[in-house]
Protein backbone atom coordinates (compact mmCIF):
# COMPACT_ATOMS: atom_id res chain seq x y z
CA MET A 1 0.00 0.00 0.00
CA ILE A 2 1.31 3.46 -0.91
CA ASP A 3 1.32 6.06 1.84
CA PRO A 4 -0.77 8.96 0.45
CA ALA A 5 1.04 11.60 2.49
CA PRO A 6 4.68 11.20 3.48
CA VAL A 7 5.22 11.87 7.16
CA ASP A 8 7.90 14.08 8.67
CA ARG A 9 9.19 11.51 11.16
CA ALA A 10 10.70 14.12 13.49
CA ALA A 11 7.51 16.15 13.81
CA GLY A 12 5.04 13.31 13.29
CA THR A 13 3.08 15.43 10.82
CA PRO A 14 2.47 14.98 7.09
CA ALA A 15 5.39 16.30 5.05
CA PRO A 16 4.43 19.04 2.60
CA ASP A 17 4.07 18.17 -1.07
CA PRO A 18 7.45 18.97 -2.72
CA ALA A 19 5.72 20.97 -5.47
CA VAL A 20 3.87 23.13 -2.95
CA LEU A 21 7.01 23.53 -0.88
CA ALA A 22 9.03 24.54 -3.96
CA GLU A 23 6.52 27.27 -4.77
CA LEU A 24 6.57 28.55 -1.18
CA VAL A 25 10.38 28.63 -1.20
CA ALA A 26 10.44 30.39 -4.59
CA ASP A 27 7.97 33.04 -3.40
CA ALA A 28 10.01 33.67 -0.24
CA VAL A 29 13.28 33.93 -2.16
CA VAL A 30 12.09 36.31 -4.89
CA ALA A 31 10.53 38.54 -2.22
CA HIS A 32 14.03 39.46 -1.02
CA PRO A 33 14.96 42.88 -2.44
CA SER A 34 18.44 41.74 -3.55
CA VAL A 35 17.17 38.80 -5.61
CA ALA A 36 16.91 39.78 -9.27
CA ARG A 37 15.52 36.38 -10.26
CA LEU A 38 15.73 32.63 -9.73
CA ASP A 39 18.21 30.73 -11.90
CA GLY A 40 18.46 27.06 -12.81
CA GLY A 41 22.24 27.04 -13.14
CA THR A 42 24.39 26.23 -16.16
CA PHE A 43 22.41 23.17 -17.21
CA GLY A 44 19.06 24.16 -15.67
CA THR A 45 19.25 21.38 -13.11
CA VAL A 46 18.09 23.48 -10.18
CA ALA A 47 14.39 22.99 -10.77
CA THR A 48 11.31 21.21 -9.47
CA TRP A 49 8.71 19.62 -11.72
CA LEU A 50 5.22 20.91 -11.03
CA SER A 51 2.01 19.91 -12.70
CA GLY A 52 2.63 20.73 -16.36
CA ARG A 53 5.70 22.95 -15.84
CA ARG A 54 9.14 23.31 -14.26
CA LEU A 55 9.85 25.75 -11.48
CA VAL A 56 13.40 26.83 -12.30
CA GLY A 57 15.65 28.00 -9.49
CA VAL A 58 14.38 25.78 -6.67
CA HIS A 59 14.87 22.04 -6.25
CA VAL A 60 13.05 20.24 -3.47
CA GLY A 61 14.03 16.59 -3.26
CA GLY A 62 13.12 13.83 -0.88
CA ALA A 63 13.51 13.63 2.87
CA GLY A 64 17.04 14.36 4.00
CA GLU A 65 18.05 15.94 0.69
CA PRO A 66 19.05 19.60 0.66
CA VAL A 67 16.77 22.23 -0.78
CA GLU A 68 18.69 23.83 -3.65
CA ILE A 69 18.19 27.46 -4.59
CA GLY A 70 19.79 29.20 -7.58
CA VAL A 71 19.65 33.00 -7.75
CA VAL A 72 20.90 36.04 -9.59
CA LEU A 73 21.50 38.84 -7.08
CA THR A 74 21.76 42.59 -7.39
CA LEU A 75 24.90 44.09 -5.86
CA ASP A 76 23.07 46.40 -3.49
CA ARG A 77 24.08 44.35 -0.41
CA PRO A 78 27.02 42.09 0.41
CA ILE A 79 26.54 38.67 -1.18
CA PRO A 80 27.29 36.62 1.98
CA ALA A 81 24.76 38.65 3.97
CA THR A 82 22.11 38.14 1.30
CA VAL A 83 22.76 34.37 1.15
CA ALA A 84 22.52 34.17 4.95
CA ALA A 85 19.25 36.12 4.89
CA LEU A 86 17.84 33.78 2.24
CA ARG A 87 18.74 30.74 4.35
CA ARG A 88 17.06 32.31 7.41
CA THR A 89 13.94 33.07 5.38
CA VAL A 90 13.66 29.58 3.88
CA ALA A 91 14.64 27.57 7.00
CA PRO A 92 11.19 27.66 8.67
CA LEU A 93 9.58 26.41 5.45
CA VAL A 94 11.81 23.35 5.01
CA ALA A 95 11.70 21.87 8.53
CA GLY A 96 15.43 21.58 9.12
CA ALA A 97 16.48 20.37 5.67
CA PRO A 98 19.89 21.66 4.56
CA ILE A 99 19.66 24.70 2.27
CA ASP A 100 22.15 25.14 -0.58
CA VAL A 101 22.16 28.59 -2.18
CA THR A 102 24.08 29.12 -5.42
CA VAL A 103 24.62 32.64 -6.72
CA SER A 104 24.76 32.14 -10.49
CA ASP A 105 25.31 35.76 -11.45
CA VAL A 106 25.08 39.32 -10.18
CA GLU A 107 23.62 42.53 -11.54
CA VAL A 108 24.80 46.03 -10.72
CA PRO A 109 21.76 48.27 -10.12
CA GLY A 110 21.46 51.06 -12.66
CA LEU A 111 24.22 49.74 -14.92
CA PRO A 112 23.23 49.31 -18.57
CA GLY A 113 23.52 45.68 -19.66
CA ALA A 114 23.48 44.50 -16.04
CA GLY A 115 23.35 40.78 -15.61
CA HIS A 116 26.87 39.76 -16.51
CA ALA A 117 29.07 41.64 -14.09
């Protein structure tokens, strides 16, 4: 028999659907003022399959796997501080799963052709 809702063994509660969790993580990440956009990485592997589409820039795997986030940042704040803030924002959503943040590129605010600094 297939368990219809995976259970978070530590909390004893149903684990969230990875697709729903990926969307929650994506919304939280893009809400940060220094995030220009989500990014799937060189080969687009940072992504989660949703019903009928791919959510690029967030990968939510199975239990015990890290949540992967790929971003392009603006250079209005120090990169390490922004990455730390993103981890703090996402941590309550992922119930203790490790969080890997990859900064794929940066943009300089107000610079023409920003995106490949």
